[in-house]
N, C-alpha and C. Protein backbone atom coordinates (compact mmCIF):
# COMPACT_ATOMS: atom_id res chain seq x y z
N UNK A 1 0.84 -1.20 0.00
CA UNK A 1 0.00 0.00 0.00
C UNK A 1 0.88 1.26 0.00
N UNK A 2 1.89 1.23 0.85
CA UNK A 2 2.80 2.37 0.93
C UNK A 2 3.50 2.62 -0.42
N UNK A 3 3.89 1.53 -1.10
CA UNK A 3 4.55 1.64 -2.40
C UNK A 3 3.60 2.24 -3.42
N UNK A 4 2.32 1.83 -3.39
CA UNK A 4 1.32 2.35 -4.32
C UNK A 4 1.12 3.85 -4.12
N UNK A 5 1.02 4.29 -2.85
CA UNK A 5 0.83 5.71 -2.55
C UNK A 5 2.04 6.51 -3.03
N UNK A 6 3.24 5.95 -2.84
CA UNK A 6 4.45 6.63 -3.28
C UNK A 6 4.48 6.80 -4.79
N UNK A 7 4.05 5.75 -5.51
CA UNK A 7 4.02 5.81 -6.97
C UNK A 7 3.02 6.85 -7.44
N UNK A 8 1.84 6.89 -6.79
CA UNK A 8 0.81 7.86 -7.17
C UNK A 8 1.29 9.29 -6.93
N UNK A 9 1.99 9.49 -5.82
CA UNK A 9 2.51 10.82 -5.51
C UNK A 9 3.53 11.27 -6.57
N UNK A 10 4.42 10.35 -6.98
CA UNK A 10 5.40 10.68 -8.01
C UNK A 10 4.73 11.04 -9.32
N UNK A 11 3.67 10.27 -9.65
CA UNK A 11 2.94 10.54 -10.89
C UNK A 11 2.28 11.91 -10.85
N UNK A 12 1.70 12.26 -9.70
CA UNK A 12 1.06 13.56 -9.57
C UNK A 12 2.06 14.69 -9.68
N UNK A 13 3.26 14.49 -9.14
CA UNK A 13 4.31 15.50 -9.25
C UNK A 13 4.67 15.75 -10.70
N UNK A 14 4.86 14.64 -11.46
CA UNK A 14 5.23 14.77 -12.87
C UNK A 14 4.12 15.44 -13.66
N UNK A 15 2.86 15.04 -13.41
CA UNK A 15 1.72 15.65 -14.11
C UNK A 15 1.64 17.13 -13.77
N UNK A 16 1.87 17.45 -12.49
CA UNK A 16 1.84 18.85 -12.07
C UNK A 16 2.90 19.67 -12.78
N UNK A 17 4.10 19.09 -12.95
CA UNK A 17 5.16 19.78 -13.66
C UNK A 17 4.79 20.01 -15.11
N UNK A 18 4.15 19.00 -15.73
CA UNK A 18 3.75 19.13 -17.12
C UNK A 18 2.71 20.22 -17.28
N UNK A 19 1.71 20.24 -16.41
CA UNK A 19 0.67 21.26 -16.49
C UNK A 19 1.27 22.64 -16.29
N UNK A 20 2.15 22.75 -15.28
CA UNK A 20 2.79 24.03 -15.01
C UNK A 20 3.60 24.50 -16.21
N UNK A 21 4.35 23.56 -16.83
CA UNK A 21 5.18 23.92 -17.97
C UNK A 21 4.34 24.34 -19.15
N UNK A 22 3.23 23.59 -19.40
CA UNK A 22 2.40 23.91 -20.55
C UNK A 22 1.71 25.26 -20.38
N UNK A 23 1.36 25.60 -19.15
CA UNK A 23 0.64 26.85 -18.93
C UNK A 23 1.59 28.04 -18.88
N UNK A 24 2.88 27.79 -18.65
CA UNK A 24 3.81 28.90 -18.47
C UNK A 24 4.20 29.55 -19.78
N UNK A 25 4.26 28.78 -20.86
CA UNK A 25 4.70 29.34 -22.13
C UNK A 25 6.18 29.67 -22.10
N UNK A 26 6.59 30.58 -22.98
CA UNK A 26 8.00 30.94 -23.03
C UNK A 26 8.28 32.09 -22.07
N UNK A 27 9.48 32.08 -21.51
CA UNK A 27 9.89 33.14 -20.59
C UNK A 27 10.74 34.15 -21.36
N UNK A 28 10.34 35.43 -21.37
CA UNK A 28 11.07 36.41 -22.18
C UNK A 28 12.36 36.91 -21.56
N UNK A 29 12.54 36.67 -20.25
CA UNK A 29 13.69 37.28 -19.59
C UNK A 29 15.00 36.62 -20.03
N UNK A 30 16.04 37.40 -19.99
CA UNK A 30 17.37 36.89 -20.31
C UNK A 30 18.36 37.61 -19.39
N UNK A 31 19.57 37.11 -19.34
CA UNK A 31 20.56 37.68 -18.41
C UNK A 31 21.85 37.93 -19.17
N UNK A 32 21.99 39.14 -19.73
CA UNK A 32 23.16 39.46 -20.54
C UNK A 32 24.45 39.40 -19.73
N UNK A 33 24.36 39.60 -18.42
CA UNK A 33 25.56 39.63 -17.57
C UNK A 33 25.80 38.33 -16.83
N UNK A 34 25.11 37.28 -17.21
CA UNK A 34 25.31 36.00 -16.53
C UNK A 34 26.77 35.55 -16.66
N UNK A 35 27.31 35.02 -15.59
CA UNK A 35 28.70 34.56 -15.60
C UNK A 35 28.85 33.32 -16.46
N UNK A 36 29.86 33.30 -17.31
CA UNK A 36 30.16 32.12 -18.12
C UNK A 36 31.61 31.72 -17.90
N UNK A 37 31.94 30.47 -18.22
CA UNK A 37 33.29 29.98 -17.94
C UNK A 37 34.17 29.89 -19.17
N UNK A 38 33.56 29.89 -20.38
CA UNK A 38 34.38 29.84 -21.58
C UNK A 38 33.59 30.29 -22.80
N UNK A 39 34.33 30.71 -23.83
CA UNK A 39 33.75 31.04 -25.13
C UNK A 39 34.13 29.95 -26.12
N UNK A 40 33.22 29.65 -27.03
CA UNK A 40 33.48 28.64 -28.04
C UNK A 40 33.32 29.26 -29.42
N UNK A 41 34.35 29.11 -30.25
CA UNK A 41 34.33 29.65 -31.61
C UNK A 41 34.71 28.56 -32.60
N UNK A 42 34.51 28.85 -33.87
CA UNK A 42 34.95 27.95 -34.94
C UNK A 42 35.86 28.73 -35.88
N UNK A 43 36.80 28.05 -36.57
CA UNK A 43 37.80 28.76 -37.37
C UNK A 43 37.31 29.25 -38.73
N UNK A 44 36.14 28.82 -39.17
CA UNK A 44 35.72 29.16 -40.53
C UNK A 44 34.71 30.30 -40.59
N UNK A 45 34.52 31.04 -39.50
CA UNK A 45 33.64 32.20 -39.55
C UNK A 45 34.21 33.28 -40.45
N UNK A 46 33.33 34.13 -40.99
CA UNK A 46 33.75 35.19 -41.90
C UNK A 46 33.78 36.54 -41.18
N UNK A 47 34.54 37.51 -41.73
CA UNK A 47 34.79 38.76 -41.04
C UNK A 47 33.88 39.92 -41.40
N UNK A 48 32.89 39.72 -42.26
CA UNK A 48 32.02 40.81 -42.64
C UNK A 48 30.99 41.11 -41.56
N UNK A 49 30.56 42.38 -41.49
CA UNK A 49 29.51 42.73 -40.56
C UNK A 49 30.03 43.12 -39.18
N UNK A 50 29.10 43.27 -38.23
CA UNK A 50 29.43 43.71 -36.88
C UNK A 50 28.89 42.72 -35.86
N UNK A 51 29.60 42.62 -34.73
CA UNK A 51 29.16 41.74 -33.65
C UNK A 51 28.00 42.38 -32.89
N UNK A 52 27.00 41.58 -32.57
CA UNK A 52 25.90 42.04 -31.75
C UNK A 52 26.23 41.89 -30.28
N UNK A 53 25.25 42.13 -29.44
CA UNK A 53 25.43 41.98 -28.00
C UNK A 53 25.40 40.50 -27.62
N UNK A 54 26.08 40.18 -26.52
CA UNK A 54 26.01 38.84 -25.95
C UNK A 54 24.64 38.66 -25.30
N UNK A 55 23.97 37.56 -25.63
CA UNK A 55 22.66 37.24 -25.03
C UNK A 55 22.77 35.91 -24.31
N UNK A 56 22.35 35.87 -23.04
CA UNK A 56 22.54 34.69 -22.20
C UNK A 56 21.20 34.11 -21.75
N UNK A 57 21.15 32.79 -21.63
CA UNK A 57 19.99 32.13 -21.05
C UNK A 57 19.79 32.62 -19.62
N UNK A 58 18.55 32.66 -19.13
CA UNK A 58 18.32 33.03 -17.72
C UNK A 58 19.11 32.11 -16.78
N UNK A 59 19.49 32.62 -15.62
CA UNK A 59 20.24 31.84 -14.66
C UNK A 59 19.57 30.51 -14.34
N UNK A 60 20.36 29.46 -14.28
CA UNK A 60 19.83 28.13 -13.97
C UNK A 60 19.31 27.38 -15.17
N UNK A 61 19.36 27.99 -16.37
CA UNK A 61 18.92 27.29 -17.59
C UNK A 61 20.07 27.22 -18.58
N UNK A 62 19.95 26.27 -19.52
CA UNK A 62 20.97 26.04 -20.54
C UNK A 62 20.26 25.72 -21.85
N UNK A 63 20.95 25.93 -22.95
CA UNK A 63 20.35 25.70 -24.27
C UNK A 63 20.21 24.20 -24.53
N UNK A 64 18.98 23.77 -24.76
CA UNK A 64 18.71 22.37 -25.10
C UNK A 64 18.13 22.24 -26.50
N UNK A 65 17.90 23.37 -27.15
CA UNK A 65 17.34 23.35 -28.50
C UNK A 65 17.70 24.63 -29.23
N UNK A 66 17.42 24.65 -30.53
CA UNK A 66 17.72 25.84 -31.32
C UNK A 66 16.80 25.90 -32.53
N UNK A 67 16.68 27.08 -33.11
CA UNK A 67 16.00 27.26 -34.38
C UNK A 67 16.78 28.30 -35.18
N UNK A 68 16.55 28.33 -36.48
CA UNK A 68 17.30 29.20 -37.38
C UNK A 68 16.37 30.10 -38.18
N UNK A 69 16.85 31.30 -38.48
CA UNK A 69 16.16 32.16 -39.44
C UNK A 69 16.89 32.02 -40.77
N UNK A 70 16.19 31.46 -41.77
CA UNK A 70 16.84 31.07 -43.02
C UNK A 70 16.10 31.69 -44.20
N UNK A 71 16.87 32.31 -45.10
CA UNK A 71 16.31 32.72 -46.39
C UNK A 71 16.50 31.55 -47.35
N UNK A 72 15.39 30.95 -47.79
CA UNK A 72 15.49 29.84 -48.72
C UNK A 72 16.10 30.31 -50.04
N UNK A 73 16.64 29.36 -50.77
CA UNK A 73 17.25 29.67 -52.07
C UNK A 73 16.21 30.28 -53.00
N UNK A 74 16.54 31.44 -53.55
CA UNK A 74 15.64 32.12 -54.49
C UNK A 74 16.28 32.03 -55.87
N UNK A 75 15.77 31.13 -56.69
CA UNK A 75 16.33 30.96 -58.03
C UNK A 75 15.95 32.14 -58.91
N UNK A 76 16.86 32.53 -59.78
CA UNK A 76 16.60 33.66 -60.66
C UNK A 76 17.10 34.97 -60.09
N UNK A 77 17.60 34.95 -58.85
CA UNK A 77 18.22 36.14 -58.27
C UNK A 77 19.63 35.78 -57.85
N UNK A 78 20.52 36.77 -57.82
CA UNK A 78 21.92 36.47 -57.52
C UNK A 78 22.29 36.81 -56.09
N UNK A 79 21.33 37.34 -55.30
CA UNK A 79 21.68 37.73 -53.93
C UNK A 79 20.88 36.95 -52.91
N UNK A 80 21.41 35.81 -52.49
CA UNK A 80 20.82 35.00 -51.44
C UNK A 80 21.63 35.18 -50.16
N UNK A 81 20.95 35.23 -49.02
CA UNK A 81 21.66 35.46 -47.75
C UNK A 81 21.74 34.23 -46.85
N UNK A 82 20.96 33.19 -47.14
CA UNK A 82 21.02 31.94 -46.37
C UNK A 82 20.74 32.16 -44.89
N UNK A 83 21.68 31.81 -44.01
CA UNK A 83 21.46 31.87 -42.56
C UNK A 83 21.48 33.33 -42.08
N UNK A 84 20.38 33.76 -41.44
CA UNK A 84 20.26 35.14 -40.97
C UNK A 84 20.28 35.27 -39.45
N UNK A 85 20.01 34.21 -38.72
CA UNK A 85 20.02 34.30 -37.26
C UNK A 85 19.97 32.90 -36.65
N UNK A 86 20.43 32.82 -35.40
CA UNK A 86 20.36 31.59 -34.61
C UNK A 86 19.68 31.93 -33.29
N UNK A 87 18.72 31.14 -32.91
CA UNK A 87 18.00 31.34 -31.64
C UNK A 87 18.22 30.11 -30.75
N UNK A 88 18.65 30.33 -29.52
CA UNK A 88 18.81 29.25 -28.55
C UNK A 88 17.57 29.18 -27.66
N UNK A 89 17.17 27.95 -27.30
CA UNK A 89 16.01 27.75 -26.43
C UNK A 89 16.49 27.05 -25.16
N UNK A 90 16.24 27.68 -24.03
CA UNK A 90 16.88 27.31 -22.78
C UNK A 90 15.88 26.74 -21.77
N UNK A 91 16.27 25.64 -21.12
CA UNK A 91 15.45 25.02 -20.08
C UNK A 91 16.34 24.71 -18.88
N UNK A 92 15.71 24.35 -17.75
CA UNK A 92 16.50 24.00 -16.57
C UNK A 92 16.77 22.50 -16.53
N UNK A 93 17.52 22.07 -15.52
CA UNK A 93 17.94 20.67 -15.44
C UNK A 93 16.76 19.72 -15.24
N UNK A 94 15.78 20.10 -14.44
CA UNK A 94 14.64 19.24 -14.20
C UNK A 94 13.84 19.03 -15.48
N UNK A 95 13.62 20.10 -16.23
CA UNK A 95 12.90 19.98 -17.49
C UNK A 95 13.65 19.09 -18.46
N UNK A 96 14.98 19.20 -18.47
CA UNK A 96 15.79 18.35 -19.33
C UNK A 96 15.68 16.90 -18.91
N UNK A 97 15.74 16.64 -17.61
CA UNK A 97 15.67 15.28 -17.09
C UNK A 97 14.34 14.61 -17.44
N UNK A 98 13.25 15.40 -17.40
CA UNK A 98 11.91 14.86 -17.68
C UNK A 98 11.48 15.06 -19.13
N UNK A 99 12.40 15.59 -19.96
CA UNK A 99 12.11 15.85 -21.38
C UNK A 99 10.87 16.73 -21.55
N UNK A 100 10.80 17.80 -20.74
CA UNK A 100 9.72 18.77 -20.84
C UNK A 100 10.24 20.01 -21.54
N UNK A 101 9.65 20.33 -22.71
CA UNK A 101 10.15 21.43 -23.51
C UNK A 101 9.12 22.54 -23.72
N UNK A 102 8.11 22.61 -22.83
CA UNK A 102 7.07 23.62 -22.99
C UNK A 102 7.45 24.93 -22.31
N UNK A 103 8.21 24.86 -21.26
CA UNK A 103 8.57 26.04 -20.47
C UNK A 103 10.02 26.38 -20.78
N UNK A 104 10.24 27.33 -21.67
CA UNK A 104 11.59 27.64 -22.08
C UNK A 104 11.75 29.13 -22.34
N UNK A 105 13.00 29.58 -22.34
CA UNK A 105 13.34 30.96 -22.68
C UNK A 105 14.13 30.96 -23.98
N UNK A 106 13.86 31.90 -24.85
CA UNK A 106 14.54 31.99 -26.13
C UNK A 106 15.45 33.21 -26.14
N UNK A 107 16.69 33.02 -26.58
CA UNK A 107 17.64 34.12 -26.68
C UNK A 107 18.29 34.11 -28.05
N UNK A 108 18.63 35.31 -28.53
CA UNK A 108 19.28 35.45 -29.82
C UNK A 108 20.09 36.73 -29.79
N UNK A 109 21.11 36.80 -30.64
CA UNK A 109 21.89 38.01 -30.76
C UNK A 109 21.38 38.78 -31.97
N UNK A 110 22.26 39.41 -32.74
CA UNK A 110 21.83 40.16 -33.91
C UNK A 110 21.10 39.26 -34.91
N UNK A 111 20.15 39.84 -35.63
CA UNK A 111 19.31 39.08 -36.56
C UNK A 111 19.34 39.75 -37.93
N UNK A 112 19.57 38.96 -38.98
CA UNK A 112 19.49 39.46 -40.34
C UNK A 112 18.05 39.71 -40.76
N UNK A 113 17.89 40.42 -41.87
CA UNK A 113 16.57 40.93 -42.26
C UNK A 113 15.69 39.94 -43.00
N UNK A 114 16.25 38.87 -43.51
CA UNK A 114 15.50 38.02 -44.42
C UNK A 114 15.22 36.64 -43.83
N UNK A 115 14.25 35.97 -44.42
CA UNK A 115 14.01 34.57 -44.10
C UNK A 115 12.90 34.34 -43.09
N UNK A 116 12.74 33.08 -42.71
CA UNK A 116 11.71 32.65 -41.77
C UNK A 116 12.37 31.77 -40.71
N UNK A 117 11.72 31.67 -39.56
CA UNK A 117 12.24 30.83 -38.48
C UNK A 117 11.82 29.38 -38.68
N UNK A 118 12.76 28.48 -38.54
CA UNK A 118 12.47 27.05 -38.64
C UNK A 118 11.90 26.53 -37.33
N UNK A 119 11.40 25.31 -37.36
CA UNK A 119 10.91 24.67 -36.13
C UNK A 119 12.08 24.43 -35.17
N UNK A 120 11.77 24.34 -33.87
CA UNK A 120 12.80 24.08 -32.86
C UNK A 120 13.26 22.63 -32.94
N UNK A 121 14.56 22.43 -32.86
CA UNK A 121 15.14 21.10 -32.73
C UNK A 121 15.65 20.96 -31.29
N UNK A 122 15.20 19.90 -30.59
CA UNK A 122 15.54 19.69 -29.19
C UNK A 122 16.48 18.50 -29.02
N UNK A 123 17.40 18.61 -28.06
CA UNK A 123 18.17 17.44 -27.64
C UNK A 123 17.22 16.41 -27.03
N UNK A 124 17.40 15.12 -27.31
CA UNK A 124 16.58 14.10 -26.65
C UNK A 124 16.68 14.19 -25.13
N UNK A 125 17.85 14.54 -24.65
CA UNK A 125 18.07 14.82 -23.22
C UNK A 125 19.36 15.63 -23.12
N UNK A 126 19.56 16.29 -22.00
CA UNK A 126 20.77 17.06 -21.82
C UNK A 126 20.72 18.40 -22.53
N UNK A 127 21.92 18.98 -22.75
CA UNK A 127 22.03 20.32 -23.30
C UNK A 127 23.03 20.36 -24.46
N UNK A 128 23.00 21.44 -25.23
CA UNK A 128 23.95 21.63 -26.31
C UNK A 128 25.35 21.85 -25.73
N UNK A 129 26.35 21.17 -26.32
CA UNK A 129 27.70 21.25 -25.76
C UNK A 129 28.74 21.84 -26.72
N UNK A 130 28.58 21.67 -28.02
CA UNK A 130 29.52 22.23 -28.99
C UNK A 130 28.83 22.32 -30.34
N UNK A 131 29.51 22.96 -31.31
CA UNK A 131 28.85 23.21 -32.59
C UNK A 131 29.86 23.27 -33.73
N UNK A 132 29.35 23.18 -34.94
CA UNK A 132 30.15 23.30 -36.15
C UNK A 132 29.33 24.11 -37.15
N UNK A 133 30.01 24.98 -37.91
CA UNK A 133 29.34 25.91 -38.80
C UNK A 133 29.60 25.55 -40.26
N UNK A 134 28.56 25.63 -41.07
CA UNK A 134 28.69 25.40 -42.51
C UNK A 134 28.79 26.76 -43.19
N UNK A 135 29.92 27.01 -43.87
CA UNK A 135 30.20 28.32 -44.44
C UNK A 135 30.64 28.18 -45.89
N UNK A 136 30.15 29.09 -46.73
CA UNK A 136 30.57 29.12 -48.12
C UNK A 136 31.77 30.05 -48.26
N UNK A 137 32.90 29.56 -48.80
CA UNK A 137 34.06 30.43 -48.98
C UNK A 137 33.74 31.57 -49.96
N UNK A 138 34.47 32.68 -49.83
CA UNK A 138 34.29 33.81 -50.73
C UNK A 138 34.70 33.44 -52.15
N UNK A 139 33.83 33.74 -53.11
CA UNK A 139 34.11 33.52 -54.52
C UNK A 139 33.85 34.83 -55.26
N UNK A 140 34.87 35.36 -55.89
CA UNK A 140 34.76 36.64 -56.60
C UNK A 140 33.80 36.50 -57.77
N UNK A 141 32.84 37.42 -57.83
CA UNK A 141 31.89 37.42 -58.94
C UNK A 141 30.74 36.45 -58.78
N UNK A 142 30.70 35.75 -57.64
CA UNK A 142 29.65 34.77 -57.36
C UNK A 142 28.85 35.25 -56.15
N UNK A 143 27.60 34.81 -56.03
CA UNK A 143 26.77 35.16 -54.88
C UNK A 143 27.32 34.50 -53.62
N UNK A 144 27.81 35.31 -52.71
CA UNK A 144 28.36 34.79 -51.46
C UNK A 144 27.31 34.83 -50.36
N UNK A 145 27.18 33.72 -49.64
CA UNK A 145 26.13 33.60 -48.63
C UNK A 145 26.66 33.48 -47.21
N UNK A 146 27.98 33.38 -47.01
CA UNK A 146 28.58 33.22 -45.68
C UNK A 146 28.04 31.97 -44.98
N UNK A 147 27.58 32.10 -43.71
CA UNK A 147 27.10 30.92 -42.98
C UNK A 147 25.77 30.45 -43.56
N UNK A 148 25.69 29.15 -43.77
CA UNK A 148 24.49 28.57 -44.37
C UNK A 148 23.76 27.61 -43.44
N UNK A 149 24.47 27.04 -42.48
CA UNK A 149 23.82 26.07 -41.58
C UNK A 149 24.70 25.87 -40.35
N UNK A 150 24.15 25.19 -39.35
CA UNK A 150 24.88 24.89 -38.12
C UNK A 150 24.45 23.52 -37.62
N UNK A 151 25.36 22.83 -36.97
CA UNK A 151 25.06 21.55 -36.33
C UNK A 151 25.57 21.59 -34.90
N UNK A 152 24.77 21.08 -33.97
CA UNK A 152 25.14 21.03 -32.56
C UNK A 152 25.29 19.58 -32.11
N UNK A 153 26.09 19.38 -31.07
CA UNK A 153 26.14 18.09 -30.38
C UNK A 153 25.52 18.28 -29.00
N UNK A 154 24.76 17.29 -28.56
CA UNK A 154 24.12 17.32 -27.24
C UNK A 154 24.95 16.52 -26.25
N UNK A 155 24.74 16.79 -24.97
CA UNK A 155 25.51 16.10 -23.94
C UNK A 155 25.21 14.60 -23.88
N UNK A 156 24.07 14.16 -24.48
CA UNK A 156 23.80 12.72 -24.54
C UNK A 156 24.46 12.05 -25.74
N UNK A 157 25.23 12.81 -26.53
CA UNK A 157 25.97 12.26 -27.66
C UNK A 157 25.24 12.37 -28.99
N UNK A 158 24.01 12.83 -28.99
CA UNK A 158 23.27 12.96 -30.24
C UNK A 158 23.64 14.26 -30.96
N UNK A 159 23.26 14.35 -32.24
CA UNK A 159 23.56 15.50 -33.06
C UNK A 159 22.27 16.13 -33.59
N UNK A 160 22.25 17.45 -33.67
CA UNK A 160 21.11 18.19 -34.21
C UNK A 160 21.60 19.03 -35.37
N UNK A 161 21.05 18.77 -36.57
CA UNK A 161 21.44 19.51 -37.77
C UNK A 161 20.36 20.52 -38.11
N UNK A 162 20.75 21.77 -38.33
CA UNK A 162 19.79 22.81 -38.65
C UNK A 162 19.18 22.64 -40.04
N UNK A 163 18.12 23.40 -40.28
CA UNK A 163 17.44 23.38 -41.58
C UNK A 163 17.90 24.55 -42.43
N UNK A 164 19.21 24.69 -42.58
CA UNK A 164 19.78 25.75 -43.41
C UNK A 164 19.83 25.33 -44.87
N UNK A 165 20.61 26.09 -45.66
CA UNK A 165 20.77 25.76 -47.08
C UNK A 165 22.03 24.93 -47.28
N UNK A 166 22.26 24.49 -48.52
CA UNK A 166 23.29 23.48 -48.75
C UNK A 166 24.64 24.03 -49.20
N UNK A 167 24.76 25.33 -49.41
CA UNK A 167 26.03 25.88 -49.90
C UNK A 167 27.11 25.77 -48.84
N UNK A 168 28.36 25.61 -49.31
CA UNK A 168 29.49 25.60 -48.39
C UNK A 168 29.72 24.25 -47.75
N UNK A 169 30.66 24.24 -46.82
CA UNK A 169 31.06 23.01 -46.14
C UNK A 169 31.13 23.23 -44.64
N UNK A 170 30.86 22.17 -43.89
CA UNK A 170 31.05 22.22 -42.45
C UNK A 170 32.55 22.24 -42.15
N UNK A 171 32.96 23.10 -41.24
CA UNK A 171 34.36 23.20 -40.86
C UNK A 171 34.66 22.34 -39.64
N UNK A 172 35.61 22.78 -38.84
CA UNK A 172 36.00 22.05 -37.64
C UNK A 172 35.04 22.38 -36.49
N UNK A 173 34.94 21.44 -35.57
CA UNK A 173 34.10 21.62 -34.39
C UNK A 173 34.73 22.64 -33.44
N UNK A 174 33.88 23.35 -32.74
CA UNK A 174 34.35 24.17 -31.63
C UNK A 174 34.85 23.25 -30.52
N UNK A 175 35.52 23.81 -29.53
CA UNK A 175 35.84 22.99 -28.37
C UNK A 175 34.55 22.65 -27.64
N UNK A 176 34.59 21.61 -26.84
CA UNK A 176 33.40 21.16 -26.12
C UNK A 176 33.25 21.93 -24.82
N UNK A 177 32.00 22.21 -24.46
CA UNK A 177 31.71 22.94 -23.24
C UNK A 177 32.27 22.20 -22.03
N UNK A 178 32.97 22.94 -21.18
CA UNK A 178 33.57 22.34 -19.99
C UNK A 178 32.61 22.30 -18.81
N UNK A 179 31.48 22.98 -18.93
CA UNK A 179 30.52 23.02 -17.84
C UNK A 179 29.28 22.21 -18.14
N UNK A 180 28.13 22.75 -17.75
CA UNK A 180 26.86 22.05 -17.93
C UNK A 180 26.42 22.06 -19.38
N UNK A 181 26.59 23.19 -20.05
CA UNK A 181 26.15 23.28 -21.43
C UNK A 181 26.23 24.71 -21.95
N UNK A 182 25.91 24.87 -23.22
CA UNK A 182 25.89 26.20 -23.85
C UNK A 182 24.80 27.04 -23.19
N UNK A 183 25.14 28.29 -22.90
CA UNK A 183 24.20 29.14 -22.17
C UNK A 183 24.05 30.53 -22.78
N UNK A 184 24.72 30.81 -23.89
CA UNK A 184 24.61 32.13 -24.48
C UNK A 184 25.17 32.17 -25.89
N UNK A 185 24.92 33.30 -26.57
CA UNK A 185 25.28 33.41 -27.98
C UNK A 185 25.57 34.87 -28.33
N UNK A 186 26.48 35.05 -29.28
CA UNK A 186 26.72 36.35 -29.91
C UNK A 186 26.96 36.09 -31.39
N UNK A 187 26.34 36.89 -32.27
CA UNK A 187 26.45 36.65 -33.71
C UNK A 187 27.00 37.88 -34.43
N UNK A 188 27.66 37.60 -35.53
CA UNK A 188 28.21 38.66 -36.39
C UNK A 188 27.35 38.74 -37.65
N UNK A 189 26.70 39.89 -37.85
CA UNK A 189 25.72 40.04 -38.93
C UNK A 189 26.12 41.20 -39.84
N UNK A 190 26.03 40.97 -41.14
CA UNK A 190 26.19 42.07 -42.10
C UNK A 190 24.83 42.69 -42.35
N UNK A 191 24.73 43.98 -42.10
CA UNK A 191 23.49 44.71 -42.34
C UNK A 191 23.19 44.78 -43.83
N UNK A 192 21.90 44.97 -44.22
CA UNK A 192 21.56 45.11 -45.64
C UNK A 192 22.38 46.23 -46.29
N UNK A 193 22.95 45.93 -47.45
CA UNK A 193 23.81 46.88 -48.13
C UNK A 193 23.06 47.80 -49.10
N UNK A 194 21.77 47.48 -49.33
CA UNK A 194 21.00 48.28 -50.28
C UNK A 194 21.19 47.81 -51.70
N UNK A 195 22.40 47.50 -52.06
CA UNK A 195 22.71 46.94 -53.37
C UNK A 195 23.99 46.14 -53.22
N UNK A 196 24.12 45.11 -54.02
CA UNK A 196 25.33 44.32 -53.94
C UNK A 196 25.10 42.98 -53.28
N UNK A 197 26.16 42.42 -52.75
CA UNK A 197 26.14 41.04 -52.28
C UNK A 197 26.02 41.01 -50.76
N UNK A 198 24.79 40.78 -50.25
CA UNK A 198 24.56 40.69 -48.81
C UNK A 198 24.86 39.28 -48.32
N UNK A 199 25.44 39.18 -47.12
CA UNK A 199 25.79 37.85 -46.60
C UNK A 199 25.10 37.49 -45.30
N UNK A 200 24.45 38.44 -44.60
CA UNK A 200 23.76 38.19 -43.32
C UNK A 200 24.71 37.58 -42.29
N UNK A 201 24.39 36.40 -41.71
CA UNK A 201 25.17 35.86 -40.59
C UNK A 201 26.53 35.35 -41.08
N UNK A 202 27.58 35.87 -40.46
CA UNK A 202 28.94 35.52 -40.87
C UNK A 202 29.72 34.71 -39.84
N UNK A 203 29.40 34.88 -38.57
CA UNK A 203 30.17 34.18 -37.54
C UNK A 203 29.34 34.13 -36.26
N UNK A 204 29.75 33.27 -35.33
CA UNK A 204 29.00 33.12 -34.07
C UNK A 204 29.97 32.72 -32.96
N UNK A 205 29.67 33.19 -31.77
CA UNK A 205 30.37 32.77 -30.54
C UNK A 205 29.31 32.18 -29.60
N UNK A 206 29.61 31.02 -29.03
CA UNK A 206 28.75 30.41 -28.02
C UNK A 206 29.45 30.49 -26.67
N UNK A 207 28.64 30.60 -25.62
CA UNK A 207 29.18 30.71 -24.26
C UNK A 207 28.76 29.48 -23.44
N UNK A 208 29.68 29.05 -22.59
CA UNK A 208 29.46 27.85 -21.78
C UNK A 208 29.35 28.24 -20.29
N UNK A 209 28.36 27.68 -19.61
CA UNK A 209 28.16 27.97 -18.18
C UNK A 209 28.34 26.71 -17.34
N UNK A 210 28.76 26.91 -16.11
CA UNK A 210 29.01 25.81 -15.20
C UNK A 210 27.70 25.38 -14.57
């Protein structure tokens, strides 16, 4: 009897967490000054554009999912921008343990002007730990798109590939997060030029928290 009551109590706790998470929606707050233990970069980022502000997940949460703002390939035009922004979606450890993804905070740095946001890709469990960027090298006289896609590794060993475009190649992986997981982002974006070859997102820095 005691075992049955204990099981029922555990079930009610989990159901209560699910209801609470579903009713909470997304949390808009972020913590730009949150302490981080390391920065993670990749060697194939491009130098065009300006760095945005560092945006951090709220304290106690880490990035477990992401979505991209992507301009799809437009045939018949020579100026495609491909990847325009990266958005991290942050949850706490309990939500990660129970695979609850309804109550999350979204953070992003600078955002390019074009494209649409893709669906969120979530780690099966755990948090994002490192990443690799797909970048098209500069070609004179050709439409240059800079960053076209990104892939993350989760702490459970799984991989999440973004829904970017196919130009360019994936470079080397960033170093792996030494703490709990990725907790912040800063992006380098080229503003619209008005005429000429726009590249949008050119580089990214991820931050790791303990």
